[in-house]
C-alpha atoms as a PDB file:
ATOM      1  CA  MET A   1      -9.729 -15.905-142.216  1.00  0.00           C
ATOM      2  CA  SER A   2      -5.974 -16.156-141.705  1.00  0.00           C
ATOM      3  CA  LYS A   3      -4.536 -16.369-138.236  1.00  0.00           C
ATOM      4  CA  LYS A   4      -2.329 -13.422-137.267  1.00  0.00           C
ATOM      5  CA  ARG A   5       1.203 -14.240-136.178  1.00  0.00           C
ATOM      6  CA  LEU A   6       2.081 -13.226-132.619  1.00  0.00           C
ATOM      7  CA  CYS A   7       5.246 -11.385-131.630  1.00  0.00           C
ATOM      8  CA  TRP A   8       7.942 -13.941-130.860  1.00  0.00           C
ATOM      9  CA  ILE A   9       9.087 -11.936-127.806  1.00  0.00           C
ATOM     10  CA  CYS A  10       5.928 -11.106-125.848  1.00  0.00           C
ATOM     11  CA  GLN A  11       3.656 -13.745-127.437  1.00  0.00           C
ATOM     12  CA  SER A  12       0.663 -11.458-126.788  1.00  0.00           C
ATOM     13  CA  ASN A  13       0.680  -8.687-129.420  1.00  0.00           C
ATOM     14  CA  VAL A  14       0.234  -9.184-133.146  1.00  0.00           C
ATOM     15  CA  ALA A  15       3.567  -9.218-135.011  1.00  0.00           C
ATOM     16  CA  ASP A  16       3.286  -5.965-136.961  1.00  0.00           C
ATOM     17  CA  SER A  17       6.940  -5.049-137.457  1.00  0.00           C
ATOM     18  CA  GLY A  18       9.613  -6.580-139.651  1.00  0.00           C
ATOM     19  CA  GLU A  19      13.335  -6.543-138.967  1.00  0.00           C
ATOM     20  CA  HIS A  20      16.091  -5.585-141.363  1.00  0.00           C
ATOM     21  CA  ILE A  21      18.050  -8.685-142.343  1.00  0.00           C
ATOM     22  CA  ILE A  22      21.109  -6.435-142.541  1.00  0.00           C
ATOM     23  CA  LYS A  23      21.050  -3.439-140.204  1.00  0.00           C
ATOM     24  CA  ARG A  24      20.000  -0.353-142.164  1.00  0.00           C
ATOM     25  CA  SER A  25      22.798   1.760-140.648  1.00  0.00           C
ATOM     26  CA  ASP A  26      25.322  -0.842-141.899  1.00  0.00           C
ATOM     27  CA  ILE A  27      23.845  -0.739-145.418  1.00  0.00           C
ATOM     28  CA  ASN A  28      24.052   3.051-145.475  1.00  0.00           C
ATOM     29  CA  ARG A  29      27.614   3.062-144.111  1.00  0.00           C
ATOM     30  CA  ALA A  30      28.777   0.495-146.664  1.00  0.00           C
ATOM     31  CA  PHE A  31      26.948   1.755-149.749  1.00  0.00           C
ATOM     32  CA  GLY A  32      26.106   5.380-149.065  1.00  0.00           C
ATOM     33  CA  ARG A  33      22.687   6.756-149.878  1.00  0.00           C
ATOM     34  CA  VAL A  34      20.592   4.211-151.759  1.00  0.00           C
ATOM     35  CA  ASN A  35      18.237   5.833-154.306  1.00  0.00           C
ATOM     36  CA  GLU A  36      17.245   5.692-157.989  1.00  0.00           C
ATOM     37  CA  GLN A  37      20.554   7.223-159.079  1.00  0.00           C
ATOM     38  CA  SER A  38      22.528   4.879-156.839  1.00  0.00           C
ATOM     39  CA  PRO A  39      20.540   1.642-156.432  1.00  0.00           C
ATOM     40  CA  LEU A  40      21.575  -1.321-154.358  1.00  0.00           C
ATOM     41  CA  LEU A  41      21.826  -4.613-156.243  1.00  0.00           C
ATOM     42  CA  PHE A  42      20.556  -7.410-154.055  1.00  0.00           C
ATOM     43  CA  SER A  43      20.089 -11.111-154.601  1.00  0.00           C
ATOM     44  CA  ASN A  44      18.931 -13.864-152.351  1.00  0.00           C
ATOM     45  CA  SER A  45      18.423 -17.543-152.768  1.00  0.00           C
ATOM     46  CA  GLU A  46      15.912 -20.020-151.511  1.00  0.00           C
ATOM     47  CA  PHE A  47      17.404 -23.368-150.509  1.00  0.00           C
ATOM     48  CA  ASP A  48      14.443 -25.696-150.122  1.00  0.00           C
ATOM     49  CA  ASP A  49      16.503 -28.829-150.539  1.00  0.00           C
ATOM     50  CA  PHE A  50      19.922 -27.977-151.896  1.00  0.00           C
ATOM     51  CA  ARG A  51      20.846 -31.596-152.659  1.00  0.00           C
ATOM     52  CA  ALA A  52      17.720 -32.250-154.724  1.00  0.00           C
ATOM     53  CA  ASN A  53      17.295 -28.845-156.364  1.00  0.00           C
ATOM     54  CA  PRO A  54      19.753 -26.101-157.225  1.00  0.00           C
ATOM     55  CA  PRO A  55      19.077 -22.825-155.418  1.00  0.00           C
ATOM     56  CA  GLN A  56      16.616 -20.422-157.007  1.00  0.00           C
ATOM     57  CA  TYR A  57      17.958 -16.870-157.033  1.00  0.00           C
ATOM     58  CA  SER A  58      15.933 -13.693-156.988  1.00  0.00           C
ATOM     59  CA  LYS A  59      17.651 -10.467-158.006  1.00  0.00           C
ATOM     60  CA  TYR A  60      16.476  -7.018-157.057  1.00  0.00           C
ATOM     61  CA  GLU A  61      17.490  -3.465-157.821  1.00  0.00           C
ATOM     62  CA  LEU A  62      16.614  -1.565-154.662  1.00  0.00           C
ATOM     63  CA  PHE A  63      16.159   2.193-154.466  1.00  0.00           C
ATOM     64  CA  SER A  64      16.003   2.502-150.683  1.00  0.00           C
ATOM     65  CA  SER A  65      17.664   0.901-147.675  1.00  0.00           C
ATOM     66  CA  ARG A  66      14.097   0.488-146.366  1.00  0.00           C
ATOM     67  CA  ALA A  67      13.102  -1.773-149.284  1.00  0.00           C
ATOM     68  CA  LYS A  68      10.958  -4.801-148.465  1.00  0.00           C
ATOM     69  CA  PRO A  69      13.439  -7.501-149.657  1.00  0.00           C
ATOM     70  CA  LEU A  70      15.879  -6.266-146.985  1.00  0.00           C
ATOM     71  CA  LYS A  71      13.387  -7.021-144.225  1.00  0.00           C
ATOM     72  CA  THR A  72      11.926 -10.110-142.647  1.00  0.00           C
ATOM     73  CA  LYS A  73       8.204 -10.716-142.512  1.00  0.00           C
ATOM     74  CA  ASN A  74       6.491  -9.201-139.499  1.00  0.00           C
ATOM     75  CA  VAL A  75       7.782 -11.323-136.620  1.00  0.00           C
ATOM     76  CA  ILE A  76       7.820  -8.834-133.758  1.00  0.00           C
ATOM     77  CA  CYS A  77       5.372  -6.234-132.450  1.00  0.00           C
ATOM     78  CA  CYS A  78       6.185  -2.530-132.632  1.00  0.00           C
ATOM     79  CA  ARG A  79       6.195  -2.276-128.834  1.00  0.00           C
ATOM     80  CA  CYS A  80       8.852  -4.961-128.382  1.00  0.00           C
ATOM     81  CA  ASN A  81      10.800  -3.622-131.372  1.00  0.00           C
ATOM     82  CA  ASN A  82      10.908  -0.122-129.867  1.00  0.00           C
ATOM     83  CA  GLU A  83      11.153  -0.933-126.167  1.00  0.00           C
ATOM     84  CA  LYS A  84      12.766  -4.323-125.670  1.00  0.00           C
ATOM     85  CA  THR A  85      15.221  -4.765-128.536  1.00  0.00           C
ATOM     86  CA  GLN A  86      16.272  -1.125-129.002  1.00  0.00           C
ATOM     87  CA  PRO A  87      19.214  -1.408-126.550  1.00  0.00           C
ATOM     88  CA  PHE A  88      20.497  -4.346-128.639  1.00  0.00           C
ATOM     89  CA  ASP A  89      20.216  -2.289-131.839  1.00  0.00           C
ATOM     90  CA  LEU A  90      21.952   0.733-130.321  1.00  0.00           C
ATOM     91  CA  SER A  91      24.831  -1.357-128.978  1.00  0.00           C
ATOM     92  CA  TRP A  92      25.264  -3.031-132.380  1.00  0.00           C
ATOM     93  CA  GLU A  93      25.253   0.347-134.163  1.00  0.00           C
ATOM     94  CA  GLN A  94      27.942   1.657-131.824  1.00  0.00           C
ATOM     95  CA  PHE A  95      30.015  -1.524-132.184  1.00  0.00           C
ATOM     96  CA  SER A  96      29.675  -1.666-135.968  1.00  0.00           C
ATOM     97  CA  LYS A  97      30.461   2.022-136.522  1.00  0.00           C
ATOM     98  CA  THR A  98      33.486   2.124-134.213  1.00  0.00           C
ATOM     99  CA  PHE A  99      34.914  -1.215-135.365  1.00  0.00           C
ATOM    100  CA  SER A 100      34.510  -0.126-139.010  1.00  0.00           C
ATOM    101  CA  GLU A 101      36.471   3.030-138.201  1.00  0.00           C
ATOM    102  CA  ILE A 102      39.235   0.961-136.577  1.00  0.00           C
ATOM    103  CA  ILE A 103      39.452  -1.276-139.665  1.00  0.00           C
ATOM    104  CA  GLN A 104      39.515   1.771-141.997  1.00  0.00           C
ATOM    105  CA  LEU A 105      42.520   3.116-140.089  1.00  0.00           C
ATOM    106  CA  ASN A 106      44.324  -0.007-141.375  1.00  0.00           C
ATOM    107  CA  CYS A 107      44.586  -1.384-137.885  1.00  0.00           C
ATOM    108  CA  ASN A 108      44.533  -5.134-137.669  1.00  0.00           C
ATOM    109  CA  PRO A 109      43.503  -5.778-134.095  1.00  0.00           C
ATOM    110  CA  LYS A 110      44.180  -9.232-132.752  1.00  0.00           C
ATOM    111  CA  ARG A 111      41.234  -8.764-130.404  1.00  0.00           C
ATOM    112  CA  VAL A 112      38.078  -6.715-130.546  1.00  0.00           C
ATOM    113  CA  PRO A 113      38.813  -3.641-128.383  1.00  0.00           C
ATOM    114  CA  THR A 114      35.492  -3.654-126.537  1.00  0.00           C
ATOM    115  CA  LYS A 115      36.638  -1.179-123.870  1.00  0.00           C
ATOM    116  CA  GLU A 116      37.486   1.344-126.593  1.00  0.00           C
ATOM    117  CA  ILE A 117      34.199   0.751-128.399  1.00  0.00           C
ATOM    118  CA  PHE A 118      32.034   0.734-125.269  1.00  0.00           C
ATOM    119  CA  GLN A 119      33.573   3.172-122.838  1.00  0.00           C
ATOM    120  CA  LYS A 120      30.482   3.111-120.627  1.00  0.00           C
ATOM    121  CA  ASN A 121      29.590  -0.340-119.318  1.00  0.00           C
ATOM    122  CA  PRO A 122      31.370  -2.568-121.878  1.00  0.00           C
ATOM    123  CA  LYS A 123      30.073  -5.854-120.429  1.00  0.00           C
ATOM    124  CA  ALA A 124      26.406  -4.889-120.690  1.00  0.00           C
ATOM    125  CA  SER A 125      26.936  -3.362-124.143  1.00  0.00           C
ATOM    126  CA  LEU A 126      28.699  -6.460-125.438  1.00  0.00           C
ATOM    127  CA  LEU A 127      25.905  -8.626-124.039  1.00  0.00           C
ATOM    128  CA  ASN A 128      23.487  -6.427-126.002  1.00  0.00           C
ATOM    129  CA  VAL A 129      25.516  -7.078-129.177  1.00  0.00           C
ATOM    130  CA  HIS A 130      25.156 -10.815-128.568  1.00  0.00           C
ATOM    131  CA  LEU A 131      21.421 -10.351-127.989  1.00  0.00           C
ATOM    132  CA  PHE A 132      21.217  -8.327-131.221  1.00  0.00           C
ATOM    133  CA  PHE A 133      22.612 -11.299-133.144  1.00  0.00           C
ATOM    134  CA  LEU A 134      20.344 -13.726-131.335  1.00  0.00           C
ATOM    135  CA  SER A 135      17.214 -11.656-131.980  1.00  0.00           C
ATOM    136  CA  ASN A 136      18.117 -11.165-135.656  1.00  0.00           C
ATOM    137  CA  CYS A 137      18.858 -14.863-136.135  1.00  0.00           C
ATOM    138  CA  LEU A 138      15.504 -15.723-134.602  1.00  0.00           C
ATOM    139  CA  ALA A 139      13.768 -13.154-136.814  1.00  0.00           C
ATOM    140  CA  VAL A 140      15.336 -14.685-139.912  1.00  0.00           C
ATOM    141  CA  LEU A 141      14.500 -18.238-138.799  1.00  0.00           C
ATOM    142  CA  LEU A 142      10.910 -17.252-138.087  1.00  0.00           C
ATOM    143  CA  ASN A 143      10.772 -15.693-141.528  1.00  0.00           C
ATOM    144  CA  ILE A 144      11.047 -19.126-143.182  1.00  0.00           C
END
């Protein structure tokens, strides 16, 4: 019988939820609707020991932004995913959407205009963006 992995956040519930390696809202914003008529071409590589072996690439044609290769293994429980990390996700979505709009207006900001992006409580929202990156990096590392 295989041992179930525990959620890396609470360490008490079974990890039953995967994380998107790239935020789904970012995929949809960049590529539009992903489906059979408009698939997403995706490749990844596995670097076991880059010096000894060249990377092995896997290529996928994906028909949904919810496709399994875009997600990590289950490393977090649904409760923590929905309750604890949701503020991080929402802050990232707001940051990513607004900053993308600024870039599309051909603005070349010398600094990230956090007060324009987060009009309500910019410090807490920016902290959540940092925590979004931290939680996603940990999810990817735990996926190895």
